[in-house]
């Protein structure tokens, strides 16, 4: 069994799409629009075949995104090397995004950094 895709709502769908294309090399479909529900979405596909559906509709409940909550907390991208983790962390920081943890080896052996990306989404960069 495989997870087919993960989905997330965003206020600014185009900004979210550009974020994942710019930093993670996502390939985007042309998008989907349901005029009856005023619902929009894109499917973003990554080199591994993993997919992320980004969505928008009116009247989203945009609650504060605490890092210490139950449920979904982050998405992790494997970049293939420590050097790539270091490099992308620097680029994302330079572009003004918050870095929660700069690159380091964690107690469970992962080399990773954690950033707050588009619209407060926590993203883990790992080997």
N, C-alpha and C. Protein backbone atom coordinates (compact mmCIF):
# COMPACT_ATOMS: atom_id res chain seq x y z
N UNK A 1 0.84 -1.17 0.00
CA UNK A 1 0.00 0.00 0.00
C UNK A 1 0.89 1.24 0.00
N UNK A 2 0.47 2.25 -0.74
CA UNK A 2 1.17 3.53 -0.78
C UNK A 2 0.21 4.66 -0.50
N UNK A 3 0.70 5.73 0.10
CA UNK A 3 -0.09 6.95 0.20
C UNK A 3 -0.13 7.54 -1.20
N UNK A 4 -1.31 7.81 -1.72
CA UNK A 4 -1.46 8.32 -3.08
C UNK A 4 -1.08 9.79 -3.17
N UNK A 5 -1.59 10.59 -2.23
CA UNK A 5 -1.19 11.99 -2.15
C UNK A 5 -1.61 12.56 -0.80
N UNK A 6 -1.07 13.70 -0.48
CA UNK A 6 -1.42 14.47 0.71
C UNK A 6 -1.94 15.81 0.20
N UNK A 7 -2.90 16.40 0.91
CA UNK A 7 -3.50 17.65 0.46
C UNK A 7 -3.45 18.69 1.57
N UNK A 8 -3.39 19.97 1.16
CA UNK A 8 -3.39 21.07 2.11
C UNK A 8 -4.06 22.28 1.48
N UNK A 9 -4.86 22.98 2.29
CA UNK A 9 -5.48 24.23 1.84
C UNK A 9 -4.52 25.39 2.03
N UNK A 10 -4.59 26.35 1.13
CA UNK A 10 -3.80 27.58 1.21
C UNK A 10 -4.69 28.76 0.86
N UNK A 11 -4.42 29.90 1.48
CA UNK A 11 -5.13 31.14 1.14
C UNK A 11 -4.70 31.63 -0.23
N UNK A 12 -3.40 31.63 -0.48
CA UNK A 12 -2.86 32.09 -1.76
C UNK A 12 -2.34 30.88 -2.52
N UNK A 13 -3.21 30.32 -3.33
CA UNK A 13 -2.90 29.09 -4.05
C UNK A 13 -1.72 29.26 -5.00
N UNK A 14 -1.66 30.38 -5.69
CA UNK A 14 -0.57 30.60 -6.65
C UNK A 14 0.77 30.74 -5.95
N UNK A 15 0.79 31.42 -4.80
CA UNK A 15 2.04 31.56 -4.04
C UNK A 15 2.51 30.20 -3.53
N UNK A 16 1.58 29.37 -3.07
CA UNK A 16 1.94 28.02 -2.60
C UNK A 16 2.50 27.20 -3.76
N UNK A 17 1.86 27.28 -4.90
CA UNK A 17 2.33 26.54 -6.09
C UNK A 17 3.75 26.95 -6.45
N UNK A 18 4.00 28.25 -6.49
CA UNK A 18 5.34 28.76 -6.84
C UNK A 18 6.38 28.36 -5.81
N UNK A 19 6.02 28.34 -4.53
CA UNK A 19 6.94 27.93 -3.46
C UNK A 19 7.46 26.51 -3.71
N UNK A 20 6.55 25.58 -3.96
CA UNK A 20 6.95 24.20 -4.15
C UNK A 20 7.67 23.97 -5.48
N UNK A 21 7.35 24.74 -6.48
CA UNK A 21 8.07 24.66 -7.75
C UNK A 21 9.49 25.20 -7.57
N UNK A 22 9.61 26.36 -6.93
CA UNK A 22 10.91 27.04 -6.78
C UNK A 22 11.88 26.24 -5.91
N UNK A 23 11.43 25.80 -4.75
CA UNK A 23 12.35 25.20 -3.79
C UNK A 23 12.48 23.68 -3.92
N UNK A 24 11.45 23.01 -4.45
CA UNK A 24 11.46 21.55 -4.45
C UNK A 24 11.29 20.94 -5.83
N UNK A 25 11.31 21.77 -6.86
CA UNK A 25 11.25 21.26 -8.23
C UNK A 25 9.95 20.57 -8.59
N UNK A 26 8.86 20.94 -7.91
CA UNK A 26 7.57 20.31 -8.20
C UNK A 26 7.15 20.60 -9.63
N UNK A 27 6.46 19.64 -10.20
CA UNK A 27 5.82 19.82 -11.50
C UNK A 27 4.32 19.94 -11.23
N UNK A 28 3.69 20.94 -11.81
CA UNK A 28 2.28 21.22 -11.54
C UNK A 28 1.42 20.86 -12.73
N UNK A 29 0.22 20.36 -12.44
CA UNK A 29 -0.75 20.21 -13.51
C UNK A 29 -1.34 21.59 -13.82
N UNK A 30 -2.27 21.64 -14.75
CA UNK A 30 -2.86 22.92 -15.17
C UNK A 30 -3.87 23.46 -14.16
N UNK A 31 -4.22 22.65 -13.20
CA UNK A 31 -5.15 23.08 -12.18
C UNK A 31 -6.57 22.61 -12.46
N UNK A 32 -7.38 22.69 -11.43
CA UNK A 32 -8.77 22.27 -11.48
C UNK A 32 -9.61 23.36 -10.85
N UNK A 33 -10.78 23.61 -11.42
CA UNK A 33 -11.71 24.59 -10.86
C UNK A 33 -13.11 24.04 -10.92
N UNK A 34 -13.78 24.00 -9.77
CA UNK A 34 -15.19 23.62 -9.69
C UNK A 34 -15.98 24.90 -9.43
N UNK A 35 -16.67 25.40 -10.46
CA UNK A 35 -17.36 26.69 -10.34
C UNK A 35 -18.53 26.62 -9.36
N UNK A 36 -19.14 25.45 -9.19
CA UNK A 36 -20.28 25.34 -8.26
C UNK A 36 -19.84 25.54 -6.81
N UNK A 37 -18.65 25.08 -6.49
CA UNK A 37 -18.14 25.19 -5.12
C UNK A 37 -17.08 26.28 -4.98
N UNK A 38 -16.70 26.90 -6.11
CA UNK A 38 -15.62 27.88 -6.14
C UNK A 38 -14.34 27.28 -5.53
N UNK A 39 -14.10 26.03 -5.87
CA UNK A 39 -12.96 25.26 -5.37
C UNK A 39 -11.89 25.18 -6.45
N UNK A 40 -10.64 25.45 -6.06
CA UNK A 40 -9.50 25.37 -6.98
C UNK A 40 -8.44 24.45 -6.38
N UNK A 41 -7.72 23.76 -7.27
CA UNK A 41 -6.62 22.94 -6.78
C UNK A 41 -5.59 22.71 -7.88
N UNK A 42 -4.40 22.36 -7.42
CA UNK A 42 -3.31 21.89 -8.29
C UNK A 42 -2.78 20.60 -7.69
N UNK A 43 -2.37 19.68 -8.55
CA UNK A 43 -1.59 18.54 -8.10
C UNK A 43 -0.13 18.83 -8.44
N UNK A 44 0.72 18.75 -7.43
CA UNK A 44 2.15 18.94 -7.60
C UNK A 44 2.83 17.58 -7.50
N UNK A 45 3.66 17.26 -8.46
CA UNK A 45 4.36 15.98 -8.47
C UNK A 45 5.86 16.23 -8.32
N UNK A 46 6.49 15.43 -7.47
CA UNK A 46 7.91 15.56 -7.20
C UNK A 46 8.66 14.42 -7.90
N UNK A 47 9.97 14.55 -8.02
CA UNK A 47 10.78 13.58 -8.76
C UNK A 47 10.57 12.14 -8.31
N UNK A 48 10.30 11.93 -7.04
CA UNK A 48 10.10 10.57 -6.51
C UNK A 48 8.77 9.97 -6.93
N UNK A 49 7.86 10.82 -7.44
CA UNK A 49 6.51 10.38 -7.75
C UNK A 49 5.51 10.79 -6.68
N UNK A 50 5.99 11.24 -5.53
CA UNK A 50 5.10 11.72 -4.47
C UNK A 50 4.30 12.91 -5.00
N UNK A 51 3.05 13.04 -4.51
CA UNK A 51 2.20 14.14 -4.96
C UNK A 51 1.60 14.89 -3.78
N UNK A 52 1.47 16.19 -3.97
CA UNK A 52 0.84 17.08 -3.01
C UNK A 52 -0.27 17.82 -3.73
N UNK A 53 -1.47 17.75 -3.18
CA UNK A 53 -2.58 18.53 -3.74
C UNK A 53 -2.69 19.81 -2.92
N UNK A 54 -2.60 20.94 -3.58
CA UNK A 54 -2.79 22.21 -2.90
C UNK A 54 -4.14 22.77 -3.35
N UNK A 55 -4.91 23.30 -2.40
CA UNK A 55 -6.30 23.64 -2.66
C UNK A 55 -6.67 24.99 -2.06
N UNK A 56 -7.77 25.54 -2.60
CA UNK A 56 -8.32 26.78 -2.07
C UNK A 56 -9.82 26.80 -2.33
N UNK A 57 -10.56 27.36 -1.38
CA UNK A 57 -11.98 27.62 -1.54
C UNK A 57 -12.33 28.79 -0.62
N UNK A 58 -13.48 29.41 -0.84
CA UNK A 58 -13.85 30.55 0.00
C UNK A 58 -14.07 30.13 1.46
N UNK A 59 -13.94 31.11 2.33
CA UNK A 59 -14.29 30.94 3.74
C UNK A 59 -13.51 29.85 4.46
N UNK A 60 -12.21 29.77 4.19
CA UNK A 60 -11.38 28.83 4.92
C UNK A 60 -11.23 29.29 6.37
N UNK A 61 -11.22 28.37 7.30
CA UNK A 61 -11.00 28.66 8.71
C UNK A 61 -9.50 28.68 8.94
N UNK A 62 -8.91 29.86 9.00
CA UNK A 62 -7.45 30.02 9.04
C UNK A 62 -6.99 30.21 10.48
N UNK A 63 -6.95 29.12 11.24
CA UNK A 63 -6.55 29.18 12.64
C UNK A 63 -5.03 29.27 12.76
N UNK A 64 -4.59 29.75 13.93
CA UNK A 64 -3.16 29.81 14.22
C UNK A 64 -2.56 28.40 14.13
N UNK A 65 -1.37 28.31 13.55
CA UNK A 65 -0.72 27.03 13.32
C UNK A 65 0.37 26.79 14.36
N UNK A 66 -0.01 26.26 15.49
CA UNK A 66 0.93 25.96 16.56
C UNK A 66 1.81 24.78 16.17
N UNK A 67 3.07 24.84 16.55
CA UNK A 67 3.98 23.72 16.28
C UNK A 67 3.80 22.58 17.27
N UNK A 68 3.04 22.81 18.32
CA UNK A 68 2.80 21.78 19.34
C UNK A 68 1.32 21.43 19.38
N UNK A 69 0.84 20.86 18.29
CA UNK A 69 -0.57 20.49 18.20
C UNK A 69 -0.67 19.02 17.81
N UNK A 70 -1.82 18.46 18.00
CA UNK A 70 -2.02 17.08 17.54
C UNK A 70 -2.32 17.09 16.05
N UNK A 71 -2.23 15.94 15.43
CA UNK A 71 -2.54 15.82 14.01
C UNK A 71 -1.34 16.16 13.14
N UNK A 72 -1.64 16.48 11.89
CA UNK A 72 -0.60 16.81 10.91
C UNK A 72 0.33 17.88 11.46
N UNK A 73 1.64 17.71 11.29
CA UNK A 73 2.59 18.71 11.79
C UNK A 73 3.61 19.14 10.75
N UNK A 74 4.09 18.25 9.88
CA UNK A 74 5.04 18.69 8.87
C UNK A 74 5.07 17.73 7.69
N UNK A 75 5.69 18.21 6.63
CA UNK A 75 5.99 17.36 5.48
C UNK A 75 7.51 17.35 5.36
N UNK A 76 8.09 16.18 5.06
CA UNK A 76 9.55 16.05 4.97
C UNK A 76 9.95 15.79 3.53
N UNK A 77 10.98 16.49 3.09
CA UNK A 77 11.54 16.30 1.76
C UNK A 77 12.95 15.75 1.90
N UNK A 78 13.21 14.61 1.28
CA UNK A 78 14.55 14.03 1.25
C UNK A 78 15.30 14.64 0.07
N UNK A 79 16.40 15.31 0.36
CA UNK A 79 17.15 16.02 -0.68
C UNK A 79 18.34 15.24 -1.21
N UNK A 80 18.71 14.15 -0.54
CA UNK A 80 19.76 13.28 -1.07
C UNK A 80 21.14 13.44 -0.48
N UNK A 81 21.43 14.59 0.16
CA UNK A 81 22.76 14.77 0.76
C UNK A 81 22.72 15.86 1.82
N UNK A 82 23.70 15.81 2.73
CA UNK A 82 23.82 16.85 3.75
C UNK A 82 24.07 18.21 3.10
N UNK A 83 24.87 18.21 2.04
CA UNK A 83 25.19 19.46 1.36
C UNK A 83 23.94 20.12 0.78
N UNK A 84 23.04 19.32 0.23
CA UNK A 84 21.80 19.87 -0.32
C UNK A 84 20.88 20.40 0.78
N UNK A 85 20.87 19.71 1.93
CA UNK A 85 20.09 20.20 3.08
C UNK A 85 20.64 21.56 3.51
N UNK A 86 21.97 21.65 3.64
CA UNK A 86 22.61 22.90 4.04
C UNK A 86 22.30 24.02 3.04
N UNK A 87 22.45 23.71 1.76
CA UNK A 87 22.26 24.71 0.71
C UNK A 87 20.82 25.22 0.65
N UNK A 88 19.85 24.32 0.65
CA UNK A 88 18.45 24.76 0.54
C UNK A 88 18.01 25.50 1.80
N UNK A 89 18.51 25.09 2.96
CA UNK A 89 18.19 25.81 4.20
C UNK A 89 18.68 27.25 4.10
N UNK A 90 19.90 27.45 3.60
CA UNK A 90 20.43 28.82 3.44
C UNK A 90 19.61 29.63 2.46
N UNK A 91 19.20 29.02 1.36
CA UNK A 91 18.41 29.73 0.34
C UNK A 91 17.06 30.14 0.91
N UNK A 92 16.40 29.22 1.59
CA UNK A 92 15.08 29.52 2.17
C UNK A 92 15.20 30.59 3.24
N UNK A 93 16.24 30.53 4.06
CA UNK A 93 16.46 31.57 5.08
C UNK A 93 16.72 32.93 4.42
N UNK A 94 17.55 32.94 3.39
CA UNK A 94 17.87 34.19 2.68
C UNK A 94 16.61 34.81 2.08
N UNK A 95 15.68 33.97 1.68
CA UNK A 95 14.43 34.46 1.09
C UNK A 95 13.42 34.89 2.15
N UNK A 96 13.81 34.84 3.43
CA UNK A 96 12.98 35.41 4.49
C UNK A 96 12.08 34.45 5.24
N UNK A 97 12.20 33.18 4.98
CA UNK A 97 11.38 32.21 5.73
C UNK A 97 12.06 31.87 7.05
N UNK A 98 11.25 31.57 8.05
CA UNK A 98 11.75 31.25 9.38
C UNK A 98 12.38 29.86 9.40
N UNK A 99 13.54 29.77 10.05
CA UNK A 99 14.21 28.49 10.24
C UNK A 99 13.99 28.09 11.71
N UNK A 100 13.35 26.97 11.93
CA UNK A 100 13.11 26.49 13.29
C UNK A 100 14.37 25.82 13.83
N UNK A 101 14.95 24.96 13.00
CA UNK A 101 16.18 24.25 13.36
C UNK A 101 17.11 24.26 12.16
N UNK A 102 18.29 24.78 12.36
CA UNK A 102 19.30 24.74 11.29
C UNK A 102 19.82 23.31 11.17
N UNK A 103 20.48 22.98 10.06
CA UNK A 103 20.91 21.60 9.84
C UNK A 103 21.72 21.03 11.01
N UNK A 104 21.33 19.81 11.38
CA UNK A 104 22.00 19.10 12.47
C UNK A 104 21.62 17.63 12.39
N UNK A 105 22.36 16.80 13.10
CA UNK A 105 22.00 15.39 13.22
C UNK A 105 21.18 15.25 14.49
N UNK A 106 19.99 14.68 14.34
CA UNK A 106 19.08 14.53 15.47
C UNK A 106 19.44 13.29 16.28
N UNK A 107 18.83 13.16 17.44
CA UNK A 107 19.08 12.02 18.31
C UNK A 107 18.72 10.69 17.67
N UNK A 108 17.78 10.71 16.72
CA UNK A 108 17.41 9.45 16.05
C UNK A 108 18.17 9.25 14.74
N UNK A 109 19.22 10.07 14.53
CA UNK A 109 20.14 9.83 13.42
C UNK A 109 19.84 10.54 12.11
N UNK A 110 18.79 11.35 12.07
CA UNK A 110 18.49 12.10 10.84
C UNK A 110 19.35 13.35 10.75
N UNK A 111 19.82 13.66 9.56
CA UNK A 111 20.43 14.96 9.31
C UNK A 111 19.33 15.79 8.69
N UNK A 112 18.95 16.87 9.36
CA UNK A 112 17.79 17.64 8.92
C UNK A 112 17.84 19.08 9.38
N UNK A 113 17.00 19.88 8.73
CA UNK A 113 16.65 21.20 9.22
C UNK A 113 15.14 21.31 9.14
N UNK A 114 14.57 22.27 9.85
CA UNK A 114 13.13 22.49 9.81
C UNK A 114 12.88 23.96 9.54
N UNK A 115 12.01 24.23 8.57
CA UNK A 115 11.70 25.59 8.17
C UNK A 115 10.18 25.80 8.22
N UNK A 116 9.80 27.04 8.36
CA UNK A 116 8.39 27.42 8.22
C UNK A 116 8.25 28.01 6.83
N UNK A 117 7.57 27.29 5.98
CA UNK A 117 7.42 27.69 4.58
C UNK A 117 6.17 28.53 4.36
N UNK A 118 5.67 28.44 3.17
CA UNK A 118 4.52 29.22 2.74
C UNK A 118 3.33 29.01 3.68
N UNK A 119 2.75 30.11 4.12
CA UNK A 119 1.56 30.14 4.99
C UNK A 119 1.70 29.31 6.25
N UNK A 120 2.92 29.28 6.81
CA UNK A 120 3.13 28.63 8.10
C UNK A 120 3.29 27.13 8.06
N UNK A 121 3.43 26.55 6.85
CA UNK A 121 3.60 25.10 6.76
C UNK A 121 5.00 24.71 7.22
N UNK A 122 5.07 23.80 8.19
CA UNK A 122 6.37 23.33 8.66
C UNK A 122 6.88 22.29 7.68
N UNK A 123 8.15 22.47 7.27
CA UNK A 123 8.78 21.59 6.30
C UNK A 123 10.12 21.13 6.85
N UNK A 124 10.34 19.82 6.78
CA UNK A 124 11.60 19.24 7.20
C UNK A 124 12.43 18.93 5.97
N UNK A 125 13.66 19.37 5.98
CA UNK A 125 14.61 19.07 4.91
C UNK A 125 15.57 18.03 5.45
N UNK A 126 15.67 16.89 4.78
CA UNK A 126 16.51 15.82 5.27
C UNK A 126 17.28 15.18 4.12
N UNK A 127 18.23 14.33 4.49
CA UNK A 127 19.03 13.61 3.49
C UNK A 127 18.12 12.58 2.84
